[in-house]
Amino acid sequence: MIGIVFEFANQIAEVRIIETNIYFRNSTYTQFGTIDQMKLDKNGVVKEFPDLKDNDAWEYIARQRFKDKINKLNSEDDRADYIIKDLTKFGYIPKFKQKNGFRVQRL
């Protein structure tokens, strides 16, 4: 299990990676949710996948592409690196990373 804490504007976002499962939450919610429970921003999705601009199923396809990408990565560390790189593009600032309950690393 890997936990990553991000800062975004005036909020804190947390990501947990458990094998191929990725869970998200921000400082407004107390429970973690999967990508299926997240509200996606169409502008952010179109920025990442321009071909979905005029597609009515843009949200479903974007979620599937995320899941496919995560499943192709070999380890939790690879998934964590991908999440950090991907969220940093959208203004999230990685602050901390903790692996298997050991000491927290400042990023």
N, C-alpha and C. Protein backbone atom coordinates (compact mmCIF):
# COMPACT_ATOMS: atom_id res chain seq x y z
N MET A 1 0.83 -1.17 0.00
CA MET A 1 0.00 0.00 0.00
C MET A 1 0.88 1.24 0.00
N ILE A 2 0.53 2.17 -0.86
CA ILE A 2 1.24 3.44 -0.93
C ILE A 2 0.21 4.56 -0.78
N GLY A 3 0.51 5.52 0.08
CA GLY A 3 -0.33 6.69 0.25
C GLY A 3 0.43 7.93 -0.19
N ILE A 4 -0.23 8.80 -0.92
CA ILE A 4 0.39 10.03 -1.40
C ILE A 4 -0.52 11.20 -1.04
N VAL A 5 0.05 12.26 -0.50
CA VAL A 5 -0.71 13.45 -0.14
C VAL A 5 -0.30 14.58 -1.08
N PHE A 6 -1.32 15.25 -1.65
CA PHE A 6 -1.11 16.38 -2.56
C PHE A 6 -1.76 17.62 -1.97
N GLU A 7 -1.23 18.76 -2.37
CA GLU A 7 -1.86 20.04 -2.04
C GLU A 7 -2.39 20.60 -3.35
N PHE A 8 -3.63 21.08 -3.31
CA PHE A 8 -4.23 21.69 -4.50
C PHE A 8 -5.03 22.91 -4.04
N ALA A 9 -4.56 24.08 -4.41
CA ALA A 9 -5.17 25.35 -3.97
C ALA A 9 -5.21 25.35 -2.45
N ASN A 10 -6.39 25.40 -1.86
CA ASN A 10 -6.48 25.41 -0.40
C ASN A 10 -6.96 24.06 0.14
N GLN A 11 -6.86 23.01 -0.66
CA GLN A 11 -7.32 21.69 -0.24
C GLN A 11 -6.17 20.69 -0.22
N ILE A 12 -6.41 19.63 0.52
CA ILE A 12 -5.49 18.50 0.56
C ILE A 12 -6.18 17.33 -0.14
N ALA A 13 -5.47 16.66 -1.02
CA ALA A 13 -5.98 15.48 -1.70
C ALA A 13 -5.09 14.30 -1.34
N GLU A 14 -5.70 13.14 -1.18
CA GLU A 14 -4.94 11.95 -0.82
C GLU A 14 -5.26 10.83 -1.79
N VAL A 15 -4.23 10.09 -2.16
CA VAL A 15 -4.39 8.95 -3.06
C VAL A 15 -3.82 7.73 -2.36
N ARG A 16 -4.56 6.63 -2.40
CA ARG A 16 -4.07 5.36 -1.85
C ARG A 16 -4.02 4.35 -2.99
N ILE A 17 -2.90 3.65 -3.04
CA ILE A 17 -2.69 2.64 -4.07
C ILE A 17 -2.54 1.30 -3.37
N ILE A 18 -3.45 0.40 -3.64
CA ILE A 18 -3.41 -0.95 -3.08
C ILE A 18 -3.49 -1.91 -4.26
N GLU A 19 -2.33 -2.46 -4.62
CA GLU A 19 -2.19 -3.30 -5.81
C GLU A 19 -2.65 -2.52 -7.03
N THR A 20 -3.71 -2.97 -7.73
CA THR A 20 -4.18 -2.24 -8.92
C THR A 20 -5.35 -1.32 -8.59
N ASN A 21 -5.73 -1.22 -7.33
CA ASN A 21 -6.84 -0.36 -6.92
C ASN A 21 -6.31 1.01 -6.49
N ILE A 22 -6.92 2.05 -7.02
CA ILE A 22 -6.53 3.42 -6.71
C ILE A 22 -7.74 4.10 -6.05
N TYR A 23 -7.51 4.70 -4.89
CA TYR A 23 -8.57 5.36 -4.15
C TYR A 23 -8.20 6.83 -3.95
N PHE A 24 -9.20 7.71 -4.03
CA PHE A 24 -8.98 9.14 -3.95
C PHE A 24 -9.89 9.74 -2.86
N ARG A 25 -9.41 10.83 -2.26
CA ARG A 25 -10.27 11.67 -1.42
C ARG A 25 -9.62 13.03 -1.28
N ASN A 26 -10.44 14.02 -0.96
CA ASN A 26 -9.88 15.34 -0.67
C ASN A 26 -10.32 15.77 0.72
N SER A 27 -9.91 16.93 1.13
CA SER A 27 -10.14 17.35 2.50
C SER A 27 -11.62 17.56 2.84
N THR A 28 -12.49 17.59 1.83
CA THR A 28 -13.92 17.74 2.11
C THR A 28 -14.60 16.41 2.42
N TYR A 29 -14.03 15.32 1.95
CA TYR A 29 -14.66 14.01 2.14
C TYR A 29 -13.85 13.17 3.12
N THR A 30 -14.57 12.39 3.91
CA THR A 30 -13.88 11.55 4.89
C THR A 30 -13.60 10.15 4.36
N GLN A 31 -14.32 9.74 3.34
CA GLN A 31 -14.13 8.40 2.81
C GLN A 31 -13.43 8.44 1.46
N PHE A 32 -12.70 7.37 1.19
CA PHE A 32 -12.04 7.23 -0.10
C PHE A 32 -13.04 6.73 -1.13
N GLY A 33 -12.82 7.12 -2.38
CA GLY A 33 -13.63 6.64 -3.48
C GLY A 33 -12.75 6.24 -4.65
N THR A 34 -13.31 5.47 -5.56
CA THR A 34 -12.57 5.05 -6.74
C THR A 34 -12.75 6.08 -7.84
N ILE A 35 -12.11 5.84 -8.96
CA ILE A 35 -12.24 6.74 -10.11
C ILE A 35 -13.69 6.80 -10.58
N ASP A 36 -14.46 5.73 -10.37
CA ASP A 36 -15.86 5.71 -10.78
C ASP A 36 -16.72 6.65 -9.97
N GLN A 37 -16.28 6.99 -8.77
CA GLN A 37 -17.06 7.86 -7.90
C GLN A 37 -16.63 9.32 -7.98
N MET A 38 -15.61 9.58 -8.77
CA MET A 38 -15.11 10.95 -8.89
C MET A 38 -15.86 11.72 -9.97
N LYS A 39 -16.00 13.01 -9.74
CA LYS A 39 -16.55 13.89 -10.76
C LYS A 39 -15.38 14.37 -11.61
N LEU A 40 -15.43 14.09 -12.89
CA LEU A 40 -14.35 14.48 -13.79
C LEU A 40 -14.68 15.81 -14.46
N ASP A 41 -13.67 16.60 -14.68
CA ASP A 41 -13.81 17.87 -15.37
C ASP A 41 -13.61 17.63 -16.87
N LYS A 42 -14.60 18.00 -17.66
CA LYS A 42 -14.52 17.75 -19.10
C LYS A 42 -13.32 18.46 -19.73
N ASN A 43 -13.02 19.68 -19.30
CA ASN A 43 -11.87 20.39 -19.87
C ASN A 43 -10.57 19.66 -19.59
N GLY A 44 -10.42 19.11 -18.39
CA GLY A 44 -9.23 18.35 -18.05
C GLY A 44 -9.13 17.06 -18.86
N VAL A 45 -10.26 16.40 -19.06
CA VAL A 45 -10.28 15.16 -19.84
C VAL A 45 -9.93 15.45 -21.29
N VAL A 46 -10.50 16.52 -21.85
CA VAL A 46 -10.23 16.88 -23.25
C VAL A 46 -8.77 17.29 -23.42
N LYS A 47 -8.20 17.92 -22.40
CA LYS A 47 -6.79 18.29 -22.46
C LYS A 47 -5.91 17.05 -22.55
N GLU A 48 -6.29 16.01 -21.84
CA GLU A 48 -5.54 14.75 -21.85
C GLU A 48 -5.88 13.89 -23.06
N PHE A 49 -7.17 13.88 -23.44
CA PHE A 49 -7.64 13.06 -24.56
C PHE A 49 -8.47 13.92 -25.52
N PRO A 50 -7.83 14.63 -26.44
CA PRO A 50 -8.56 15.53 -27.34
C PRO A 50 -9.62 14.84 -28.20
N ASP A 51 -9.46 13.55 -28.45
CA ASP A 51 -10.43 12.83 -29.26
C ASP A 51 -11.79 12.67 -28.57
N LEU A 52 -11.89 12.95 -27.29
CA LEU A 52 -13.16 12.79 -26.56
C LEU A 52 -13.98 14.08 -26.51
N LYS A 53 -13.51 15.12 -27.19
CA LYS A 53 -14.17 16.43 -27.12
C LYS A 53 -15.65 16.36 -27.49
N ASP A 54 -15.98 15.70 -28.57
CA ASP A 54 -17.37 15.64 -29.05
C ASP A 54 -18.04 14.31 -28.77
N ASN A 55 -17.44 13.49 -27.93
CA ASN A 55 -17.99 12.18 -27.62
C ASN A 55 -18.91 12.28 -26.41
N ASP A 56 -20.14 11.78 -26.54
CA ASP A 56 -21.09 11.84 -25.43
C ASP A 56 -20.68 10.94 -24.26
N ALA A 57 -19.91 9.92 -24.53
CA ALA A 57 -19.48 8.98 -23.48
C ALA A 57 -18.07 9.32 -22.98
N TRP A 58 -17.69 10.59 -23.02
CA TRP A 58 -16.34 11.02 -22.67
C TRP A 58 -15.94 10.59 -21.27
N GLU A 59 -16.85 10.69 -20.32
CA GLU A 59 -16.51 10.38 -18.93
C GLU A 59 -16.22 8.88 -18.76
N TYR A 60 -17.07 8.05 -19.32
CA TYR A 60 -16.89 6.60 -19.23
C TYR A 60 -15.58 6.17 -19.90
N ILE A 61 -15.33 6.69 -21.09
CA ILE A 61 -14.12 6.33 -21.84
C ILE A 61 -12.86 6.79 -21.09
N ALA A 62 -12.89 7.99 -20.52
CA ALA A 62 -11.74 8.49 -19.77
C ALA A 62 -11.45 7.60 -18.56
N ARG A 63 -12.49 7.17 -17.87
CA ARG A 63 -12.30 6.27 -16.72
C ARG A 63 -11.71 4.94 -17.16
N GLN A 64 -12.21 4.41 -18.27
CA GLN A 64 -11.69 3.13 -18.78
C GLN A 64 -10.22 3.25 -19.17
N ARG A 65 -9.86 4.35 -19.80
CA ARG A 65 -8.46 4.55 -20.19
C ARG A 65 -7.56 4.64 -18.96
N PHE A 66 -8.04 5.31 -17.90
CA PHE A 66 -7.29 5.38 -16.66
C PHE A 66 -7.09 3.98 -16.08
N LYS A 67 -8.16 3.21 -16.01
CA LYS A 67 -8.07 1.84 -15.46
C LYS A 67 -7.14 0.97 -16.28
N ASP A 68 -7.23 1.07 -17.60
CA ASP A 68 -6.35 0.29 -18.48
C ASP A 68 -4.88 0.66 -18.25
N LYS A 69 -4.61 1.94 -18.13
CA LYS A 69 -3.23 2.40 -17.89
C LYS A 69 -2.71 1.87 -16.56
N ILE A 70 -3.51 1.95 -15.52
CA ILE A 70 -3.11 1.47 -14.19
C ILE A 70 -2.85 -0.02 -14.22
N ASN A 71 -3.69 -0.77 -14.90
CA ASN A 71 -3.53 -2.24 -14.95
C ASN A 71 -2.29 -2.65 -15.74
N LYS A 72 -1.84 -1.82 -16.67
CA LYS A 72 -0.65 -2.15 -17.46
C LYS A 72 0.65 -1.92 -16.69
N LEU A 73 0.60 -1.07 -15.67
CA LEU A 73 1.81 -0.78 -14.90
C LEU A 73 2.14 -1.97 -14.00
N ASN A 74 3.43 -2.23 -13.80
CA ASN A 74 3.88 -3.46 -13.15
C ASN A 74 3.80 -3.49 -11.64
N SER A 75 3.96 -2.35 -10.98
CA SER A 75 4.05 -2.37 -9.52
C SER A 75 3.34 -1.16 -8.92
N GLU A 76 3.16 -1.21 -7.61
CA GLU A 76 2.56 -0.07 -6.91
C GLU A 76 3.44 1.17 -7.06
N ASP A 77 4.77 0.97 -7.04
CA ASP A 77 5.68 2.11 -7.22
C ASP A 77 5.50 2.75 -8.58
N ASP A 78 5.35 1.95 -9.63
CA ASP A 78 5.12 2.50 -10.97
C ASP A 78 3.80 3.27 -11.02
N ARG A 79 2.78 2.71 -10.36
CA ARG A 79 1.47 3.39 -10.32
C ARG A 79 1.57 4.71 -9.57
N ALA A 80 2.31 4.71 -8.45
CA ALA A 80 2.49 5.94 -7.67
C ALA A 80 3.21 6.99 -8.51
N ASP A 81 4.26 6.60 -9.21
CA ASP A 81 5.00 7.54 -10.06
C ASP A 81 4.09 8.12 -11.15
N TYR A 82 3.25 7.27 -11.74
CA TYR A 82 2.32 7.72 -12.78
C TYR A 82 1.31 8.71 -12.20
N ILE A 83 0.74 8.41 -11.04
CA ILE A 83 -0.24 9.29 -10.40
C ILE A 83 0.40 10.65 -10.07
N ILE A 84 1.61 10.61 -9.51
CA ILE A 84 2.30 11.87 -9.17
C ILE A 84 2.54 12.70 -10.43
N LYS A 85 3.04 12.06 -11.47
CA LYS A 85 3.33 12.77 -12.72
C LYS A 85 2.04 13.33 -13.34
N ASP A 86 0.98 12.53 -13.32
CA ASP A 86 -0.27 12.94 -13.96
C ASP A 86 -0.95 14.07 -13.19
N LEU A 87 -1.03 13.98 -11.88
CA LEU A 87 -1.70 15.02 -11.11
C LEU A 87 -0.90 16.32 -11.06
N THR A 88 0.43 16.20 -11.14
CA THR A 88 1.27 17.40 -11.15
C THR A 88 0.97 18.26 -12.38
N LYS A 89 0.64 17.63 -13.50
CA LYS A 89 0.29 18.37 -14.72
C LYS A 89 -0.92 19.27 -14.51
N PHE A 90 -1.79 18.88 -13.59
CA PHE A 90 -3.03 19.62 -13.38
C PHE A 90 -2.98 20.52 -12.14
N GLY A 91 -1.78 20.78 -11.64
CA GLY A 91 -1.62 21.75 -10.56
C GLY A 91 -1.55 21.18 -9.16
N TYR A 92 -1.63 19.87 -9.03
CA TYR A 92 -1.50 19.25 -7.71
C TYR A 92 -0.01 19.22 -7.32
N ILE A 93 0.28 19.55 -6.08
CA ILE A 93 1.66 19.57 -5.61
C ILE A 93 1.87 18.40 -4.66
N PRO A 94 2.71 17.42 -5.04
CA PRO A 94 2.94 16.27 -4.15
C PRO A 94 3.71 16.71 -2.90
N LYS A 95 3.21 16.31 -1.74
CA LYS A 95 3.82 16.71 -0.48
C LYS A 95 4.47 15.53 0.25
N PHE A 96 3.73 14.43 0.39
CA PHE A 96 4.22 13.29 1.18
C PHE A 96 3.88 11.98 0.49
N LYS A 97 4.70 10.98 0.80
CA LYS A 97 4.48 9.63 0.29
C LYS A 97 4.82 8.65 1.41
N GLN A 98 3.95 7.67 1.61
CA GLN A 98 4.18 6.66 2.64
C GLN A 98 3.95 5.30 2.03
N LYS A 99 4.87 4.39 2.26
CA LYS A 99 4.79 3.07 1.67
C LYS A 99 4.68 2.02 2.78
N ASN A 100 3.64 1.20 2.70
CA ASN A 100 3.40 0.08 3.62
C ASN A 100 3.45 0.49 5.10
N GLY A 101 3.00 1.69 5.42
CA GLY A 101 2.94 2.13 6.79
C GLY A 101 4.27 2.57 7.40
N PHE A 102 5.32 2.56 6.62
CA PHE A 102 6.63 2.99 7.13
C PHE A 102 6.70 4.51 7.18
N ARG A 103 7.83 5.01 7.53
CA ARG A 103 8.04 6.45 7.71
C ARG A 103 7.63 7.23 6.47
N VAL A 104 7.02 8.36 6.70
CA VAL A 104 6.57 9.24 5.61
C VAL A 104 7.77 9.92 4.97
N GLN A 105 7.76 9.96 3.64
CA GLN A 105 8.80 10.67 2.89
C GLN A 105 8.24 11.99 2.40
N ARG A 106 8.99 13.05 2.58
CA ARG A 106 8.60 14.35 2.04
C ARG A 106 9.02 14.38 0.57
N LEU A 107 8.10 14.81 -0.29
CA LEU A 107 8.39 14.87 -1.72
C LEU A 107 8.77 16.27 -2.13
